[in-house]
C-alpha atoms as a PDB file:
ATOM      1  CA  MET A   1      17.838  25.895  -2.741  1.00  0.00           C
ATOM      2  CA  THR A   2      21.205  26.419  -1.604  1.00  0.00           C
ATOM      3  CA  ARG A   3      22.754  29.202  -0.047  1.00  0.00           C
ATOM      4  CA  ARG A   4      26.372  30.685   0.367  1.00  0.00           C
ATOM      5  CA  ASN A   5      29.186  28.919   3.240  1.00  0.00           C
ATOM      6  CA  ASN A   6      29.963  31.689   6.065  1.00  0.00           C
ATOM      7  CA  ILE A   7      33.464  30.783   6.743  1.00  0.00           C
ATOM      8  CA  GLY A   8      35.041  34.149   7.015  1.00  0.00           C
ATOM      9  CA  ASN A   9      32.832  34.545   9.529  1.00  0.00           C
ATOM     10  CA  PRO A  10      35.176  35.382  12.831  1.00  0.00           C
ATOM     11  CA  ARG A  11      32.498  34.546  15.114  1.00  0.00           C
ATOM     12  CA  SER A  12      32.219  31.093  14.173  1.00  0.00           C
ATOM     13  CA  ARG A  13      31.916  28.266  16.452  1.00  0.00           C
ATOM     14  CA  LEU A  14      34.873  27.100  16.814  1.00  0.00           C
ATOM     15  CA  GLY A  15      35.699  29.900  17.992  1.00  0.00           C
ATOM     16  CA  ARG A  16      38.034  33.228  17.171  1.00  0.00           C
ATOM     17  CA  GLY A  17      41.326  31.377  18.501  1.00  0.00           C
ATOM     18  CA  THR A  18      41.421  28.400  16.262  1.00  0.00           C
ATOM     19  CA  LEU A  19      41.186  31.661  13.127  1.00  0.00           C
ATOM     20  CA  ALA A  20      43.704  33.099  14.633  1.00  0.00           C
ATOM     21  CA  VAL A  21      45.999  30.829  14.617  1.00  0.00           C
ATOM     22  CA  CYS A  22      45.522  29.570  11.586  1.00  0.00           C
ATOM     23  CA  ALA A  23      45.029  33.103   9.628  1.00  0.00           C
ATOM     24  CA  LEU A  24      48.722  33.233  11.199  1.00  0.00           C
ATOM     25  CA  LEU A  25      50.006  30.480   9.901  1.00  0.00           C
ATOM     26  CA  LEU A  26      48.978  31.437   6.638  1.00  0.00           C
ATOM     27  CA  ALA A  27      50.383  34.826   6.075  1.00  0.00           C
ATOM     28  CA  ALA A  28      54.053  33.759   7.077  1.00  0.00           C
ATOM     29  CA  VAL A  29      54.127  31.673   3.515  1.00  0.00           C
ATOM     30  CA  TRP A  30      51.847  33.345   1.127  1.00  0.00           C
ATOM     31  CA  PRO A  31      53.302  35.770  -0.952  1.00  0.00           C
ATOM     32  CA  ALA A  32      53.074  35.135  -4.457  1.00  0.00           C
ATOM     33  CA  LEU A  33      55.517  32.025  -5.124  1.00  0.00           C
ATOM     34  CA  ALA A  34      55.512  31.381  -9.692  1.00  0.00           C
ATOM     35  CA  ASP A  35      58.069  31.939 -11.121  1.00  0.00           C
ATOM     36  CA  GLY A  36      56.558  32.660 -14.604  1.00  0.00           C
ATOM     37  CA  ASP A  37      55.154  35.146 -16.775  1.00  0.00           C
ATOM     38  CA  ALA A  38      51.818  35.594 -16.666  1.00  0.00           C
ATOM     39  CA  GLU A  39      51.496  36.624 -20.180  1.00  0.00           C
ATOM     40  CA  GLN A  40      53.152  33.876 -21.166  1.00  0.00           C
ATOM     41  CA  GLY A  41      51.021  31.300 -19.525  1.00  0.00           C
ATOM     42  CA  ARG A  42      47.608  33.097 -20.652  1.00  0.00           C
ATOM     43  CA  ALA A  43      49.493  32.351 -24.448  1.00  0.00           C
ATOM     44  CA  ARG A  44      49.930  29.135 -24.205  1.00  0.00           C
ATOM     45  CA  SER A  45      46.581  28.261 -22.071  1.00  0.00           C
ATOM     46  CA  ALA A  46      44.786  27.265 -25.226  1.00  0.00           C
ATOM     47  CA  THR A  47      44.515  24.390 -25.228  1.00  0.00           C
ATOM     48  CA  CYS A  48      43.745  23.622 -21.352  1.00  0.00           C
ATOM     49  CA  ALA A  49      40.571  26.298 -21.894  1.00  0.00           C
ATOM     50  CA  ALA A  50      38.693  23.019 -23.783  1.00  0.00           C
ATOM     51  CA  CYS A  51      38.534  21.381 -20.193  1.00  0.00           C
ATOM     52  CA  HIS A  52      38.877  24.340 -17.359  1.00  0.00           C
ATOM     53  CA  GLY A  53      37.068  27.144 -19.267  1.00  0.00           C
ATOM     54  CA  ALA A  54      38.553  30.374 -20.512  1.00  0.00           C
ATOM     55  CA  ASP A  55      38.360  31.894 -17.553  1.00  0.00           C
ATOM     56  CA  GLY A  56      39.581  29.242 -15.488  1.00  0.00           C
ATOM     57  CA  ASN A  57      36.648  27.961 -14.656  1.00  0.00           C
ATOM     58  CA  SER A  58      35.784  24.564 -15.658  1.00  0.00           C
ATOM     59  CA  VAL A  59      32.305  24.113 -17.315  1.00  0.00           C
ATOM     60  CA  ASN A  60      31.836  20.694 -16.396  1.00  0.00           C
ATOM     61  CA  PRO A  61      32.049  19.666 -12.569  1.00  0.00           C
ATOM     62  CA  GLU A  62      34.473  16.738 -12.833  1.00  0.00           C
ATOM     63  CA  TRP A  63      36.623  18.466 -14.201  1.00  0.00           C
ATOM     64  CA  PRO A  64      38.740  21.172 -12.067  1.00  0.00           C
ATOM     65  CA  SER A  65      38.341  24.492 -12.413  1.00  0.00           C
ATOM     66  CA  LEU A  66      41.645  26.838 -11.708  1.00  0.00           C
ATOM     67  CA  ALA A  67      41.409  30.376 -11.927  1.00  0.00           C
ATOM     68  CA  GLY A  68      43.125  31.683  -8.285  1.00  0.00           C
ATOM     69  CA  GLN A  69      44.448  28.507  -7.172  1.00  0.00           C
ATOM     70  CA  ASN A  70      48.255  29.048  -5.807  1.00  0.00           C
ATOM     71  CA  PRO A  71      50.639  28.762  -8.904  1.00  0.00           C
ATOM     72  CA  LYS A  72      53.413  26.232  -6.856  1.00  0.00           C
ATOM     73  CA  TYR A  73      50.157  23.451  -5.881  1.00  0.00           C
ATOM     74  CA  LEU A  74      49.310  24.117 -10.346  1.00  0.00           C
ATOM     75  CA  ALA A  75      53.293  23.573 -11.478  1.00  0.00           C
ATOM     76  CA  ASP A  76      53.121  20.345  -8.680  1.00  0.00           C
ATOM     77  CA  SER A  77      50.408  18.891  -9.878  1.00  0.00           C
ATOM     78  CA  LEU A  78      51.529  19.293 -14.036  1.00  0.00           C
ATOM     79  CA  HIS A  79      55.037  18.252 -12.999  1.00  0.00           C
ATOM     80  CA  SER A  80      53.395  14.727 -11.311  1.00  0.00           C
ATOM     81  CA  PHE A  81      51.244  14.297 -14.671  1.00  0.00           C
ATOM     82  CA  LYS A  82      54.194  15.037 -16.308  1.00  0.00           C
ATOM     83  CA  ASN A  83      56.608  12.298 -14.576  1.00  0.00           C
ATOM     84  CA  GLY A  84      53.865   9.155 -14.047  1.00  0.00           C
ATOM     85  CA  ARG A  85      53.055  10.227 -10.097  1.00  0.00           C
ATOM     86  CA  ARG A  86      49.473  11.042 -11.070  1.00  0.00           C
ATOM     87  CA  LYS A  87      47.820   8.885 -13.596  1.00  0.00           C
ATOM     88  CA  ASN A  88      45.530  10.660 -15.949  1.00  0.00           C
ATOM     89  CA  ALA A  89      45.824   9.772 -19.797  1.00  0.00           C
ATOM     90  CA  PHE A  90      44.684  12.961 -20.963  1.00  0.00           C
ATOM     91  CA  MET A  91      46.582  14.839 -18.582  1.00  0.00           C
ATOM     92  CA  SER A  92      49.721  12.883 -18.873  1.00  0.00           C
ATOM     93  CA  GLY A  93      49.509  13.727 -22.561  1.00  0.00           C
ATOM     94  CA  GLN A  94      49.170  17.107 -22.278  1.00  0.00           C
ATOM     95  CA  ALA A  95      51.690  17.569 -19.558  1.00  0.00           C
ATOM     96  CA  ALA A  96      54.262  15.253 -21.708  1.00  0.00           C
ATOM     97  CA  GLY A  97      54.404  18.420 -23.669  1.00  0.00           C
ATOM     98  CA  LEU A  98      55.569  21.144 -21.256  1.00  0.00           C
ATOM     99  CA  ASP A  99      58.716  22.680 -20.255  1.00  0.00           C
ATOM    100  CA  ASP A 100      59.558  23.537 -17.254  1.00  0.00           C
ATOM    101  CA  GLN A 101      59.171  27.162 -18.370  1.00  0.00           C
ATOM    102  CA  ALA A 102      56.017  26.604 -19.641  1.00  0.00           C
ATOM    103  CA  ILE A 103      54.347  24.944 -15.877  1.00  0.00           C
ATOM    104  CA  GLN A 104      55.612  27.770 -14.755  1.00  0.00           C
ATOM    105  CA  ASP A 105      54.086  30.880 -17.359  1.00  0.00           C
ATOM    106  CA  LEU A 106      50.242  28.796 -16.902  1.00  0.00           C
ATOM    107  CA  ALA A 107      50.637  28.157 -13.224  1.00  0.00           C
ATOM    108  CA  ALA A 108      51.678  32.330 -12.798  1.00  0.00           C
ATOM    109  CA  TYR A 109      48.328  32.993 -15.422  1.00  0.00           C
ATOM    110  CA  TYR A 110      45.998  30.746 -13.920  1.00  0.00           C
ATOM    111  CA  ALA A 111      46.872  32.395 -10.343  1.00  0.00           C
ATOM    112  CA  THR A 112      45.399  35.709 -11.476  1.00  0.00           C
ATOM    113  CA  LEU A 113      42.470  34.568 -12.577  1.00  0.00           C
ATOM    114  CA  THR A 114      39.230  35.129 -10.848  1.00  0.00           C
ATOM    115  CA  PRO A 115      37.218  31.875  -8.991  1.00  0.00           C
ATOM    116  CA  ARG A 116      33.406  31.430  -9.821  1.00  0.00           C
ATOM    117  CA  ARG A 117      31.353  31.746  -6.005  1.00  0.00           C
ATOM    118  CA  LEU A 118      29.878  28.739  -6.476  1.00  0.00           C
ATOM    119  CA  THR A 119      27.073  27.694  -3.621  1.00  0.00           C
ATOM    120  CA  ALA A 120      27.349  24.571  -1.003  1.00  0.00           C
ATOM    121  CA  ASP A 121      23.954  21.957  -0.664  1.00  0.00           C
ATOM    122  CA  PRO A 122      22.679  23.469   2.465  1.00  0.00           C
ATOM    123  CA  ALA A 123      21.131  20.120   3.672  1.00  0.00           C
ATOM    124  CA  LEU A 124      25.138  19.292   3.995  1.00  0.00           C
ATOM    125  CA  VAL A 125      26.411  22.453   4.962  1.00  0.00           C
ATOM    126  CA  GLU A 126      26.712  21.436   8.774  1.00  0.00           C
ATOM    127  CA  PRO A 127      28.266  17.617   8.549  1.00  0.00           C
ATOM    128  CA  GLY A 128      30.746  19.722   6.306  1.00  0.00           C
ATOM    129  CA  GLU A 129      31.293  22.421   7.998  1.00  0.00           C
ATOM    130  CA  ARG A 130      32.577  20.394  10.909  1.00  0.00           C
ATOM    131  CA  LEU A 131      34.840  18.015   9.433  1.00  0.00           C
ATOM    132  CA  TYR A 132      36.508  20.861   7.116  1.00  0.00           C
ATOM    133  CA  ARG A 133      36.759  22.996  10.984  1.00  0.00           C
ATOM    134  CA  GLY A 134      37.264  20.566  13.473  1.00  0.00           C
ATOM    135  CA  GLY A 135      37.800  16.975  12.054  1.00  0.00           C
ATOM    136  CA  ASP A 136      36.109  14.314  14.023  1.00  0.00           C
ATOM    137  CA  LEU A 137      38.899  13.493  16.661  1.00  0.00           C
ATOM    138  CA  ASP A 138      36.420   9.996  17.799  1.00  0.00           C
ATOM    139  CA  LYS A 139      37.851   9.686  14.086  1.00  0.00           C
ATOM    140  CA  GLY A 140      40.949  10.496  13.313  1.00  0.00           C
ATOM    141  CA  ILE A 141      40.220  13.175  11.172  1.00  0.00           C
ATOM    142  CA  SER A 142      42.255  15.696  10.933  1.00  0.00           C
ATOM    143  CA  ALA A 143      40.275  19.483  10.218  1.00  0.00           C
ATOM    144  CA  CYS A 144      40.370  20.544   6.509  1.00  0.00           C
ATOM    145  CA  MET A 145      41.513  24.023   7.526  1.00  0.00           C
ATOM    146  CA  ALA A 146      44.649  22.969   9.132  1.00  0.00           C
ATOM    147  CA  CYS A 147      46.438  22.891   5.600  1.00  0.00           C
ATOM    148  CA  HIS A 148      44.510  24.169   3.676  1.00  0.00           C
ATOM    149  CA  GLY A 149      42.954  27.970   5.719  1.00  0.00           C
ATOM    150  CA  PRO A 150      39.519  28.367   7.474  1.00  0.00           C
ATOM    151  CA  ALA A 151      38.880  29.965   3.987  1.00  0.00           C
ATOM    152  CA  GLY A 152      40.175  27.297   2.167  1.00  0.00           C
ATOM    153  CA  ARG A 153      42.756  30.069   0.004  1.00  0.00           C
ATOM    154  CA  GLY A 154      45.568  26.622   0.900  1.00  0.00           C
ATOM    155  CA  ASN A 155      49.744  27.252   2.130  1.00  0.00           C
ATOM    156  CA  PRO A 156      51.017  28.030  -0.999  1.00  0.00           C
ATOM    157  CA  GLY A 157      54.341  27.124   0.375  1.00  0.00           C
ATOM    158  CA  ALA A 158      53.569  24.358   1.817  1.00  0.00           C
ATOM    159  CA  GLY A 159      51.948  23.171  -1.720  1.00  0.00           C
ATOM    160  CA  TYR A 160      48.637  23.056  -0.221  1.00  0.00           C
ATOM    161  CA  PRO A 161      46.243  24.369  -2.605  1.00  0.00           C
ATOM    162  CA  THR A 162      43.145  26.688  -2.543  1.00  0.00           C
ATOM    163  CA  LEU A 163      40.466  24.714  -1.988  1.00  0.00           C
ATOM    164  CA  ALA A 164      37.493  27.337  -2.435  1.00  0.00           C
ATOM    165  CA  GLY A 165      34.914  27.172  -5.132  1.00  0.00           C
ATOM    166  CA  GLN A 166      35.725  24.040  -6.163  1.00  0.00           C
ATOM    167  CA  HIS A 167      33.373  21.586  -8.189  1.00  0.00           C
ATOM    168  CA  ALA A 168      31.609  19.081  -5.100  1.00  0.00           C
ATOM    169  CA  ALA A 169      31.907  16.950  -7.559  1.00  0.00           C
ATOM    170  CA  TYR A 170      35.738  17.192  -8.797  1.00  0.00           C
ATOM    171  CA  THR A 171      36.621  17.430  -5.227  1.00  0.00           C
ATOM    172  CA  ALA A 172      34.791  14.130  -4.648  1.00  0.00           C
ATOM    173  CA  ILE A 173      36.229  11.981  -7.147  1.00  0.00           C
ATOM    174  CA  GLN A 174      39.887  13.431  -5.865  1.00  0.00           C
ATOM    175  CA  LEU A 175      39.192  12.514  -2.143  1.00  0.00           C
ATOM    176  CA  LEU A 176      37.559   8.953  -3.594  1.00  0.00           C
ATOM    177  CA  ALA A 177      40.777   8.386  -5.719  1.00  0.00           C
ATOM    178  CA  TYR A 178      42.493   9.236  -2.063  1.00  0.00           C
ATOM    179  CA  ARG A 179      40.933   6.426  -0.204  1.00  0.00           C
ATOM    180  CA  SER A 180      41.099   3.637  -3.127  1.00  0.00           C
ATOM    181  CA  GLY A 181      44.818   5.127  -3.494  1.00  0.00           C
ATOM    182  CA  GLN A 182      44.705   5.522  -7.120  1.00  0.00           C
ATOM    183  CA  ARG A 183      46.204   8.763  -6.209  1.00  0.00           C
ATOM    184  CA  GLN A 184      48.899   8.790  -5.015  1.00  0.00           C
ATOM    185  CA  SER A 185      50.660  12.544  -5.410  1.00  0.00           C
ATOM    186  CA  ASP A 186      50.803  13.318  -1.659  1.00  0.00           C
ATOM    187  CA  ALA A 187      53.904  10.698  -1.461  1.00  0.00           C
ATOM    188  CA  ASP A 188      56.189  13.699  -0.432  1.00  0.00           C
ATOM    189  CA  LYS A 189      53.889  15.184   2.251  1.00  0.00           C
ATOM    190  CA  ASN A 190      53.239  12.294   4.303  1.00  0.00           C
ATOM    191  CA  GLN A 191      50.617  10.607   2.143  1.00  0.00           C
ATOM    192  CA  VAL A 192      48.162  12.854   4.267  1.00  0.00           C
ATOM    193  CA  MET A 193      45.309  12.884   1.880  1.00  0.00           C
ATOM    194  CA  ARG A 194      45.605   8.920   1.906  1.00  0.00           C
ATOM    195  CA  ASN A 195      45.672   8.756   5.617  1.00  0.00           C
ATOM    196  CA  ILE A 196      42.726  11.436   6.430  1.00  0.00           C
ATOM    197  CA  SER A 197      40.350  10.012   3.138  1.00  0.00           C
ATOM    198  CA  ALA A 198      40.557   6.192   4.024  1.00  0.00           C
ATOM    199  CA  LEU A 199      38.846   7.509   7.812  1.00  0.00           C
ATOM    200  CA  MET A 200      35.606   9.416   5.999  1.00  0.00           C
ATOM    201  CA  SER A 201      32.826   7.243   4.799  1.00  0.00           C
ATOM    202  CA  GLU A 202      31.264   8.176   1.071  1.00  0.00           C
ATOM    203  CA  ALA A 203      28.923  10.592   3.038  1.00  0.00           C
ATOM    204  CA  GLU A 204      31.581  12.277   4.779  1.00  0.00           C
ATOM    205  CA  ILE A 205      33.333  13.260   1.329  1.00  0.00           C
ATOM    206  CA  ARG A 206      30.263  14.040  -0.209  1.00  0.00           C
ATOM    207  CA  ALA A 207      29.760  16.863   2.550  1.00  0.00           C
ATOM    208  CA  VAL A 208      33.038  18.273   2.779  1.00  0.00           C
ATOM    209  CA  ALA A 209      32.717  18.275  -0.781  1.00  0.00           C
ATOM    210  CA  SER A 210      30.325  20.592  -1.062  1.00  0.00           C
ATOM    211  CA  TYR A 211      31.021  22.856   1.639  1.00  0.00           C
ATOM    212  CA  ILE A 212      34.273  23.356  -0.319  1.00  0.00           C
ATOM    213  CA  GLN A 213      32.287  24.905  -3.490  1.00  0.00           C
ATOM    214  CA  GLY A 214      31.097  27.334  -1.605  1.00  0.00           C
ATOM    215  CA  LEU A 215      33.634  28.717   0.082  1.00  0.00           C
ATOM    216  CA  GLN A 216      33.931  31.730  -1.169  1.00  0.00           C
END
C-alpha cells in the first residue's frame, strides 16, 4: 500500500519560513525558457515515445518520464548526450541526429505534457522527506529542495530539473551513477550532485528516490 506525499502542506514540520524562502527564489526564475516550437517537437517525438511514452510518461521505471520537465534542463541533457558528457549508447545515438532547433523543439513539447501522478513507499516517506527537505547536517548532505524546490518543480533558470513524480528506480540509478562518478553532467555546477551523492548510503538513495516519486 502506498500514500501520496504531503509536500505542498505549508505546515510541514520544517516550518513555513524555509518554504517561503525557497518559493521566492523559484518564483524569480520560473518563466518559461523554451525557444522551441512545441508543435514541431510533438512531430519529432515519435521515436522518443517508444521509451518515454506517448504522453511523456515512461512505462519502464528505469527510463525517465519527460512530461512536464523544464525545457532548459531537457535541452541541456540532450546536448550532453550529443557531445558525450553523458554516456548512454542508445541516447547518444539518438541525440547525435538532432540539431539545436530539434532539441529546443523537443524540450518545448515535453514541457507542455502532464506528468502522471505516482506514489511513494510509505515505509520510506519519513526518511526520504527528512533528506529531501532538511538534508543531513552531520554528514554534510544538503537538502534536495534547496535546488529542486519544496515540491520538486526544479529551477528552470539554473537548469535544475523537475523531479516530482519521477520513477524512483530511475532517480536511484542516476544518484548511484553520480556517486560512482559514472555520470559527470554536473561539471558546470561544481559537481554538486557528485558531491552530495558521495555522502549518501544506498538506503538513503532509495528513500529519497521513493519520496521524490510521490511528490506532486
